[in-house]
């Protein structure tokens, strides 16, 4: 890494490079930043924001090493609109009405 006056120069990436590395929507990345789950962007100018490449790479490495707990699938039989009936009940109801 290059040094200038004894201070290491951080390598930064712009939005397009971030999209190539992290295949998440901009809104998802923004929400994760707000919750403190993703490295924060910072402004170089009023119209240019960047991320620290080392922080993004560290975040990616931590995501690879830690499994993500997925949310449970909803029980579609519990829905109020268009509930899914069990196969045995459908036949029983058809024989009652027929």
Protein backbone atom coordinates (compact mmCIF):
# COMPACT_ATOMS: atom_id res chain seq x y z
CA UNK A 1 0.00 0.00 0.00
CA UNK A 2 1.33 3.43 -0.86
CA UNK A 3 2.31 5.82 1.87
CA UNK A 4 2.33 9.56 1.77
CA UNK A 5 3.97 11.41 4.66
CA UNK A 6 3.83 8.22 6.76
CA UNK A 7 0.03 7.87 6.38
CA UNK A 8 -1.23 4.89 4.36
CA UNK A 9 -3.42 5.85 1.40
CA UNK A 10 -6.67 3.90 1.47
CA UNK A 11 -7.91 2.41 -1.75
CA UNK A 12 -11.52 3.35 -2.47
CA UNK A 13 -14.14 2.01 -4.84
CA UNK A 14 -17.10 3.72 -6.46
CA UNK A 15 -20.66 2.46 -6.72
CA UNK A 16 -20.18 0.53 -9.99
CA UNK A 17 -17.17 -1.36 -8.60
CA UNK A 18 -19.11 -2.09 -5.41
CA UNK A 19 -21.99 -3.53 -7.49
CA UNK A 20 -19.52 -5.87 -9.22
CA UNK A 21 -18.22 -7.11 -5.86
CA UNK A 22 -21.48 -7.19 -3.86
CA UNK A 23 -24.53 -8.28 -5.87
CA UNK A 24 -27.09 -6.48 -3.70
CA UNK A 25 -29.50 -3.70 -4.64
CA UNK A 26 -28.53 -0.14 -3.79
CA UNK A 27 -31.49 0.12 -1.41
CA UNK A 28 -30.41 -3.06 0.42
CA UNK A 29 -26.86 -1.76 0.82
CA UNK A 30 -28.19 1.59 2.07
CA UNK A 31 -30.45 -0.08 4.64
CA UNK A 32 -27.59 -2.31 5.81
CA UNK A 33 -25.36 0.75 6.18
CA UNK A 34 -28.01 2.46 8.31
CA UNK A 35 -28.23 -0.61 10.58
CA UNK A 36 -24.42 -0.81 10.84
CA UNK A 37 -24.27 -4.14 8.97
CA UNK A 38 -22.26 -2.87 5.98
CA UNK A 39 -19.25 -0.53 5.64
CA UNK A 40 -20.29 3.11 5.47
CA UNK A 41 -19.78 5.16 2.34
CA UNK A 42 -18.18 8.55 2.51
CA UNK A 43 -18.28 11.54 0.21
CA UNK A 44 -15.28 12.69 -1.79
CA UNK A 45 -17.29 15.51 -3.29
CA UNK A 46 -20.96 16.53 -3.23
CA UNK A 47 -21.67 14.13 -6.13
CA UNK A 48 -19.18 11.32 -5.53
CA UNK A 49 -19.43 8.70 -2.80
CA UNK A 50 -16.96 5.86 -2.27
CA UNK A 51 -16.38 2.89 0.01
CA UNK A 52 -13.10 1.78 1.57
CA UNK A 53 -12.02 -1.31 -0.40
CA UNK A 54 -10.37 -2.96 2.62
CA UNK A 55 -13.57 -2.59 4.69
CA UNK A 56 -15.72 -4.09 1.90
CA UNK A 57 -13.29 -7.02 1.44
CA UNK A 58 -13.28 -7.63 5.22
CA UNK A 59 -17.10 -7.58 5.22
CA UNK A 60 -17.20 -10.09 2.34
CA UNK A 61 -14.73 -12.40 4.12
CA UNK A 62 -16.79 -12.29 7.32
CA UNK A 63 -19.98 -13.11 5.37
CA UNK A 64 -18.26 -16.10 3.76
CA UNK A 65 -17.09 -17.48 7.10
CA UNK A 66 -20.37 -16.97 9.02
CA UNK A 67 -23.48 -18.79 7.80
CA UNK A 68 -26.59 -16.65 7.46
CA UNK A 69 -29.63 -17.87 9.36
CA UNK A 70 -32.50 -17.87 6.90
CA UNK A 71 -36.02 -16.90 7.87
CA UNK A 72 -38.53 -19.71 8.12
CA UNK A 73 -40.90 -20.16 5.22
CA UNK A 74 -44.40 -18.99 6.04
CA UNK A 75 -47.06 -21.62 6.66
CA UNK A 76 -49.29 -21.12 3.62
CA UNK A 77 -52.10 -23.05 5.29
CA UNK A 78 -52.46 -20.19 7.79
CA UNK A 79 -53.09 -17.45 5.20
CA UNK A 80 -56.48 -15.76 5.29
CA UNK A 81 -56.69 -15.11 1.57
CA UNK A 82 -56.38 -18.20 -0.64
CA UNK A 83 -55.32 -20.69 2.05
CA UNK A 84 -53.78 -23.92 0.83
CA UNK A 85 -55.82 -26.90 1.95
CA UNK A 86 -54.40 -30.31 2.67
CA UNK A 87 -55.07 -32.93 -0.06
CA UNK A 88 -57.28 -35.16 2.16
CA UNK A 89 -59.54 -32.28 3.19
CA UNK A 90 -60.15 -31.20 -0.42
CA UNK A 91 -61.48 -34.63 -1.39
CA UNK A 92 -63.65 -34.84 1.75
CA UNK A 93 -65.16 -31.40 1.08
CA UNK A 94 -65.80 -32.27 -2.58
CA UNK A 95 -67.67 -35.45 -1.61
CA UNK A 96 -69.84 -33.51 0.90
CA UNK A 97 -70.91 -30.89 -1.64
CA UNK A 98 -71.33 -33.30 -4.58
